[in-house]
Amino acid sequence: MNEYTKKIIRNILAALAALACLALVITGHSMGFMADMSQGLMGLGVQLVGLAGILVLLYLYNRRYK
């Protein structure tokens, strides 16, 4: 596998990971509107996991340009 193919695969995986993290944030936000307090806290946890994933992806992206 040449370098160009590796770069394409890495970019596709990063885009899929970004979409998954964004989906976690959106899903966690919709869980916060339920009446139960434990569901709201679980939604907050899901949002924080999604946010952490997005921050890791941003760190990995910016590390190349340092």
PDB file of N, CA and C in Angstrom:
ATOM      1  N   MET A   1       0.852  -1.169   0.000  1.00  0.00           N
ATOM      2  CA  MET A   1       0.000   0.000   0.000  1.00  0.00           C
ATOM      3  C   MET A   1       0.903   1.238   0.000  1.00  0.00           C
ATOM      4  N   ASN A   2       0.677   2.131  -0.940  1.00  0.00           N
ATOM      5  CA  ASN A   2       1.530   3.313  -1.022  1.00  0.00           C
ATOM      6  C   ASN A   2       1.055   4.403  -0.060  1.00  0.00           C
ATOM      7  N   GLU A   3       1.830   5.476   0.020  1.00  0.00           N
ATOM      8  CA  GLU A   3       1.545   6.557   0.972  1.00  0.00           C
ATOM      9  C   GLU A   3       0.237   7.283   0.646  1.00  0.00           C
ATOM     10  N   TYR A   4      -0.070   7.435  -0.617  1.00  0.00           N
ATOM     11  CA  TYR A   4      -1.302   8.122  -1.005  1.00  0.00           C
ATOM     12  C   TYR A   4      -2.527   7.353  -0.525  1.00  0.00           C
ATOM     13  N   THR A   5      -2.508   6.050  -0.657  1.00  0.00           N
ATOM     14  CA  THR A   5      -3.631   5.228  -0.209  1.00  0.00           C
ATOM     15  C   THR A   5      -3.767   5.275   1.303  1.00  0.00           C
ATOM     16  N   LYS A   6      -2.648   5.254   2.010  1.00  0.00           N
ATOM     17  CA  LYS A   6      -2.680   5.348   3.471  1.00  0.00           C
ATOM     18  C   LYS A   6      -3.265   6.685   3.918  1.00  0.00           C
ATOM     19  N   LYS A   7      -2.902   7.757   3.208  1.00  0.00           N
ATOM     20  CA  LYS A   7      -3.416   9.082   3.555  1.00  0.00           C
ATOM     21  C   LYS A   7      -4.927   9.156   3.333  1.00  0.00           C
ATOM     22  N   ILE A   8      -5.400   8.578   2.242  1.00  0.00           N
ATOM     23  CA  ILE A   8      -6.840   8.572   1.938  1.00  0.00           C
ATOM     24  C   ILE A   8      -7.600   7.785   3.002  1.00  0.00           C
ATOM     25  N   ILE A   9      -7.089   6.619   3.363  1.00  0.00           N
ATOM     26  CA  ILE A   9      -7.754   5.785   4.373  1.00  0.00           C
ATOM     27  C   ILE A   9      -7.769   6.489   5.728  1.00  0.00           C
ATOM     28  N   ARG A  10      -6.652   7.135   6.092  1.00  0.00           N
ATOM     29  CA  ARG A  10      -6.579   7.863   7.357  1.00  0.00           C
ATOM     30  C   ARG A  10      -7.596   9.012   7.388  1.00  0.00           C
ATOM     31  N   ASN A  11      -7.732   9.728   6.271  1.00  0.00           N
ATOM     32  CA  ASN A  11      -8.696  10.831   6.210  1.00  0.00           C
ATOM     33  C   ASN A  11     -10.136  10.326   6.292  1.00  0.00           C
ATOM     34  N   ILE A  12     -10.425   9.216   5.650  1.00  0.00           N
ATOM     35  CA  ILE A  12     -11.773   8.649   5.711  1.00  0.00           C
ATOM     36  C   ILE A  12     -12.097   8.197   7.137  1.00  0.00           C
ATOM     37  N   LEU A  13     -11.136   7.540   7.792  1.00  0.00           N
ATOM     38  CA  LEU A  13     -11.361   7.108   9.177  1.00  0.00           C
ATOM     39  C   LEU A  13     -11.531   8.295  10.119  1.00  0.00           C
ATOM     40  N   ALA A  14     -10.776   9.364   9.903  1.00  0.00           N
ATOM     41  CA  ALA A  14     -10.918  10.562  10.733  1.00  0.00           C
ATOM     42  C   ALA A  14     -12.288  11.211  10.522  1.00  0.00           C
ATOM     43  N   ALA A  15     -12.758  11.236   9.289  1.00  0.00           N
ATOM     44  CA  ALA A  15     -14.075  11.808   9.013  1.00  0.00           C
ATOM     45  C   ALA A  15     -15.180  10.968   9.654  1.00  0.00           C
ATOM     46  N   LEU A  16     -15.049   9.643   9.582  1.00  0.00           N
ATOM     47  CA  LEU A  16     -16.048   8.779  10.230  1.00  0.00           C
ATOM     48  C   LEU A  16     -16.025   8.944  11.751  1.00  0.00           C
ATOM     49  N   ALA A  17     -14.836   9.079  12.327  1.00  0.00           N
ATOM     50  CA  ALA A  17     -14.737   9.293  13.772  1.00  0.00           C
ATOM     51  C   ALA A  17     -15.346  10.635  14.173  1.00  0.00           C
ATOM     52  N   ALA A  18     -15.138  11.666  13.357  1.00  0.00           N
ATOM     53  CA  ALA A  18     -15.727  12.973  13.641  1.00  0.00           C
ATOM     54  C   ALA A  18     -17.252  12.908  13.579  1.00  0.00           C
ATOM     55  N   LEU A  19     -17.779  12.196  12.597  1.00  0.00           N
ATOM     56  CA  LEU A  19     -19.236  12.045  12.504  1.00  0.00           C
ATOM     57  C   LEU A  19     -19.793  11.253  13.685  1.00  0.00           C
ATOM     58  N   ALA A  20     -19.064  10.231  14.125  1.00  0.00           N
ATOM     59  CA  ALA A  20     -19.513   9.448  15.278  1.00  0.00           C
ATOM     60  C   ALA A  20     -19.513  10.304  16.540  1.00  0.00           C
ATOM     61  N   CYS A  21     -18.491  11.127  16.725  1.00  0.00           N
ATOM     62  CA  CYS A  21     -18.438  12.000  17.901  1.00  0.00           C
ATOM     63  C   CYS A  21     -19.541  13.050  17.858  1.00  0.00           C
ATOM     64  N   LEU A  22     -19.795  13.583  16.683  1.00  0.00           N
ATOM     65  CA  LEU A  22     -20.887  14.552  16.538  1.00  0.00           C
ATOM     66  C   LEU A  22     -22.230  13.900  16.829  1.00  0.00           C
ATOM     67  N   ALA A  23     -22.394  12.660  16.395  1.00  0.00           N
ATOM     68  CA  ALA A  23     -23.632  11.927  16.685  1.00  0.00           C
ATOM     69  C   ALA A  23     -23.782  11.694  18.188  1.00  0.00           C
ATOM     70  N   LEU A  24     -22.680  11.433  18.883  1.00  0.00           N
ATOM     71  CA  LEU A  24     -22.745  11.270  20.345  1.00  0.00           C
ATOM     72  C   LEU A  24     -23.206  12.559  21.019  1.00  0.00           C
ATOM     73  N   VAL A  25     -22.695  13.698  20.560  1.00  0.00           N
ATOM     74  CA  VAL A  25     -23.093  14.976  21.151  1.00  0.00           C
ATOM     75  C   VAL A  25     -24.573  15.239  20.909  1.00  0.00           C
ATOM     76  N   ILE A  26     -25.041  14.989  19.707  1.00  0.00           N
ATOM     77  CA  ILE A  26     -26.453  15.227  19.384  1.00  0.00           C
ATOM     78  C   ILE A  26     -27.348  14.265  20.151  1.00  0.00           C
ATOM     79  N   THR A  27     -26.957  13.000  20.239  1.00  0.00           N
ATOM     80  CA  THR A  27     -27.748  12.016  20.972  1.00  0.00           C
ATOM     81  C   THR A  27     -27.809  12.357  22.455  1.00  0.00           C
ATOM     82  N   GLY A  28     -26.671  12.763  23.010  1.00  0.00           N
ATOM     83  CA  GLY A  28     -26.649  13.146  24.421  1.00  0.00           C
ATOM     84  C   GLY A  28     -27.507  14.366  24.699  1.00  0.00           C
ATOM     85  N   HIS A  29     -27.547  15.278  23.756  1.00  0.00           N
ATOM     86  CA  HIS A  29     -28.383  16.471  23.930  1.00  0.00           C
ATOM     87  C   HIS A  29     -29.863  16.116  23.946  1.00  0.00           C
ATOM     88  N   SER A  30     -30.259  15.198  23.088  1.00  0.00           N
ATOM     89  CA  SER A  30     -31.673  14.812  23.059  1.00  0.00           C
ATOM     90  C   SER A  30     -32.046  13.997  24.294  1.00  0.00           C
ATOM     91  N   MET A  31     -31.091  13.320  24.915  1.00  0.00           N
ATOM     92  CA  MET A  31     -31.375  12.576  26.139  1.00  0.00           C
ATOM     93  C   MET A  31     -31.618  13.519  27.318  1.00  0.00           C
ATOM     94  N   GLY A  32     -31.106  14.735  27.243  1.00  0.00           N
ATOM     95  CA  GLY A  32     -31.243  15.689  28.337  1.00  0.00           C
ATOM     96  C   GLY A  32     -32.650  16.219  28.505  1.00  0.00           C
ATOM     97  N   PHE A  33     -33.525  16.045  27.510  1.00  0.00           N
ATOM     98  CA  PHE A  33     -34.883  16.571  27.587  1.00  0.00           C
ATOM     99  C   PHE A  33     -35.857  15.603  28.244  1.00  0.00           C
ATOM    100  N   MET A  34     -35.374  14.426  28.637  1.00  0.00           N
ATOM    101  CA  MET A  34     -36.252  13.474  29.309  1.00  0.00           C
ATOM    102  C   MET A  34     -36.473  13.916  30.752  1.00  0.00           C
ATOM    103  N   ALA A  35     -37.549  13.472  31.365  1.00  0.00           N
ATOM    104  CA  ALA A  35     -37.939  13.965  32.686  1.00  0.00           C
ATOM    105  C   ALA A  35     -37.078  13.403  33.813  1.00  0.00           C
ATOM    106  N   ASP A  36     -36.467  12.263  33.624  1.00  0.00           N
ATOM    107  CA  ASP A  36     -35.711  11.605  34.681  1.00  0.00           C
ATOM    108  C   ASP A  36     -34.334  12.245  34.828  1.00  0.00           C
ATOM    109  N   MET A  37     -33.922  12.478  36.087  1.00  0.00           N
ATOM    110  CA  MET A  37     -32.627  13.108  36.346  1.00  0.00           C
ATOM    111  C   MET A  37     -31.466  12.212  35.929  1.00  0.00           C
ATOM    112  N   SER A  38     -31.593  10.904  36.119  1.00  0.00           N
ATOM    113  CA  SER A  38     -30.498  10.004  35.748  1.00  0.00           C
ATOM    114  C   SER A  38     -30.311   9.963  34.235  1.00  0.00           C
ATOM    115  N   GLN A  39     -31.394  10.086  33.476  1.00  0.00           N
ATOM    116  CA  GLN A  39     -31.285  10.133  32.019  1.00  0.00           C
ATOM    117  C   GLN A  39     -30.579  11.417  31.584  1.00  0.00           C
ATOM    118  N   GLY A  40     -30.853  12.516  32.285  1.00  0.00           N
ATOM    119  CA  GLY A  40     -30.196  13.784  31.966  1.00  0.00           C
ATOM    120  C   GLY A  40     -28.700  13.723  32.226  1.00  0.00           C
ATOM    121  N   LEU A  41     -28.339  13.088  33.340  1.00  0.00           N
ATOM    122  CA  LEU A  41     -26.913  12.952  33.651  1.00  0.00           C
ATOM    123  C   LEU A  41     -26.219  11.999  32.687  1.00  0.00           C
ATOM    124  N   MET A  42     -26.921  10.959  32.283  1.00  0.00           N
ATOM    125  CA  MET A  42     -26.345  10.043  31.305  1.00  0.00           C
ATOM    126  C   MET A  42     -26.174  10.753  29.957  1.00  0.00           C
ATOM    127  N   GLY A  43     -27.111  11.588  29.594  1.00  0.00           N
ATOM    128  CA  GLY A  43     -26.991  12.370  28.362  1.00  0.00           C
ATOM    129  C   GLY A  43     -25.803  13.324  28.421  1.00  0.00           C
ATOM    130  N   LEU A  44     -25.584  13.922  29.590  1.00  0.00           N
ATOM    131  CA  LEU A  44     -24.429  14.797  29.758  1.00  0.00           C
ATOM    132  C   LEU A  44     -23.129  14.011  29.605  1.00  0.00           C
ATOM    133  N   GLY A  45     -23.094  12.803  30.153  1.00  0.00           N
ATOM    134  CA  GLY A  45     -21.914  11.961  30.002  1.00  0.00           C
ATOM    135  C   GLY A  45     -21.643  11.596  28.552  1.00  0.00           C
ATOM    136  N   VAL A  46     -22.707  11.295  27.812  1.00  0.00           N
ATOM    137  CA  VAL A  46     -22.562  10.963  26.390  1.00  0.00           C
ATOM    138  C   VAL A  46     -22.039  12.177  25.628  1.00  0.00           C
ATOM    139  N   GLN A  47     -22.537  13.355  25.956  1.00  0.00           N
ATOM    140  CA  GLN A  47     -22.058  14.571  25.315  1.00  0.00           C
ATOM    141  C   GLN A  47     -20.584  14.814  25.608  1.00  0.00           C
ATOM    142  N   LEU A  48     -20.171  14.572  26.846  1.00  0.00           N
ATOM    143  CA  LEU A  48     -18.774  14.785  27.210  1.00  0.00           C
ATOM    144  C   LEU A  48     -17.849  13.799  26.507  1.00  0.00           C
ATOM    145  N   VAL A  49     -18.297  12.571  26.323  1.00  0.00           N
ATOM    146  CA  VAL A  49     -17.495  11.594  25.576  1.00  0.00           C
ATOM    147  C   VAL A  49     -17.347  12.041  24.117  1.00  0.00           C
ATOM    148  N   GLY A  50     -18.421  12.525  23.524  1.00  0.00           N
ATOM    149  CA  GLY A  50     -18.359  13.031  22.154  1.00  0.00           C
ATOM    150  C   GLY A  50     -17.454  14.247  22.035  1.00  0.00           C
ATOM    151  N   LEU A  51     -17.524  15.140  23.018  1.00  0.00           N
ATOM    152  CA  LEU A  51     -16.664  16.314  23.013  1.00  0.00           C
ATOM    153  C   LEU A  51     -15.200  15.924  23.161  1.00  0.00           C
ATOM    154  N   ALA A  52     -14.919  14.954  24.027  1.00  0.00           N
ATOM    155  CA  ALA A  52     -13.543  14.487  24.199  1.00  0.00           C
ATOM    156  C   ALA A  52     -13.017  13.889  22.896  1.00  0.00           C
ATOM    157  N   GLY A  53     -13.849  13.153  22.185  1.00  0.00           N
ATOM    158  CA  GLY A  53     -13.440  12.589  20.902  1.00  0.00           C
ATOM    159  C   GLY A  53     -13.123  13.666  19.875  1.00  0.00           C
ATOM    160  N   ILE A  54     -13.942  14.704  19.830  1.00  0.00           N
ATOM    161  CA  ILE A  54     -13.694  15.805  18.900  1.00  0.00           C
ATOM    162  C   ILE A  54     -12.398  16.523  19.257  1.00  0.00           C
ATOM    163  N   LEU A  55     -12.148  16.725  20.535  1.00  0.00           N
ATOM    164  CA  LEU A  55     -10.910  17.383  20.953  1.00  0.00           C
ATOM    165  C   LEU A  55      -9.683  16.543  20.627  1.00  0.00           C
ATOM    166  N   VAL A  56      -9.781  15.227  20.763  1.00  0.00           N
ATOM    167  CA  VAL A  56      -8.662  14.351  20.398  1.00  0.00           C
ATOM    168  C   VAL A  56      -8.405  14.426  18.900  1.00  0.00           C
ATOM    169  N   LEU A  57      -9.454  14.438  18.100  1.00  0.00           N
ATOM    170  CA  LEU A  57      -9.280  14.557  16.654  1.00  0.00           C
ATOM    171  C   LEU A  57      -8.643  15.885  16.266  1.00  0.00           C
ATOM    172  N   LEU A  58      -9.038  16.970  16.935  1.00  0.00           N
ATOM    173  CA  LEU A  58      -8.418  18.266  16.668  1.00  0.00           C
ATOM    174  C   LEU A  58      -6.951  18.273  17.071  1.00  0.00           C
ATOM    175  N   TYR A  59      -6.624  17.638  18.183  1.00  0.00           N
ATOM    176  CA  TYR A  59      -5.232  17.545  18.620  1.00  0.00           C
ATOM    177  C   TYR A  59      -4.397  16.767  17.601  1.00  0.00           C
ATOM    178  N   LEU A  60      -4.923  15.656  17.136  1.00  0.00           N
ATOM    179  CA  LEU A  60      -4.188  14.848  16.164  1.00  0.00           C
ATOM    180  C   LEU A  60      -4.002  15.595  14.844  1.00  0.00           C
ATOM    181  N   TYR A  61      -4.989  16.378  14.463  1.00  0.00           N
ATOM    182  CA  TYR A  61      -4.876  17.159  13.232  1.00  0.00           C
ATOM    183  C   TYR A  61      -3.833  18.261  13.379  1.00  0.00           C
ATOM    184  N   ASN A  62      -3.882  18.995  14.498  1.00  0.00           N
ATOM    185  CA  ASN A  62      -2.979  20.125  14.686  1.00  0.00           C
ATOM    186  C   ASN A  62      -1.556  19.701  15.012  1.00  0.00           C
ATOM    187  N   ARG A  63      -1.363  18.489  15.480  1.00  0.00           N
ATOM    188  CA  ARG A  63      -0.024  18.014  15.833  1.00  0.00           C
ATOM    189  C   ARG A  63       0.885  17.962  14.605  1.00  0.00           C
ATOM    190  N   ARG A  64       0.317  17.700  13.436  1.00  0.00           N
ATOM    191  CA  ARG A  64       1.117  17.634  12.216  1.00  0.00           C
ATOM    192  C   ARG A  64       1.685  18.981  11.819  1.00  0.00           C
ATOM    193  N   TYR A  65       1.039  20.080  12.199  1.00  0.00           N
ATOM    194  CA  TYR A  65       1.417  21.416  11.734  1.00  0.00           C
ATOM    195  C   TYR A  65       2.158  22.215  12.795  1.00  0.00           C
ATOM    196  N   LYS A  66       2.652  21.547  13.814  1.00  0.00           N
ATOM    197  CA  LYS A  66       3.347  22.253  14.883  1.00  0.00           C
ATOM    198  C   LYS A  66       4.801  22.438  14.554  1.00  0.00           C
TER     199      LYS A  66
END
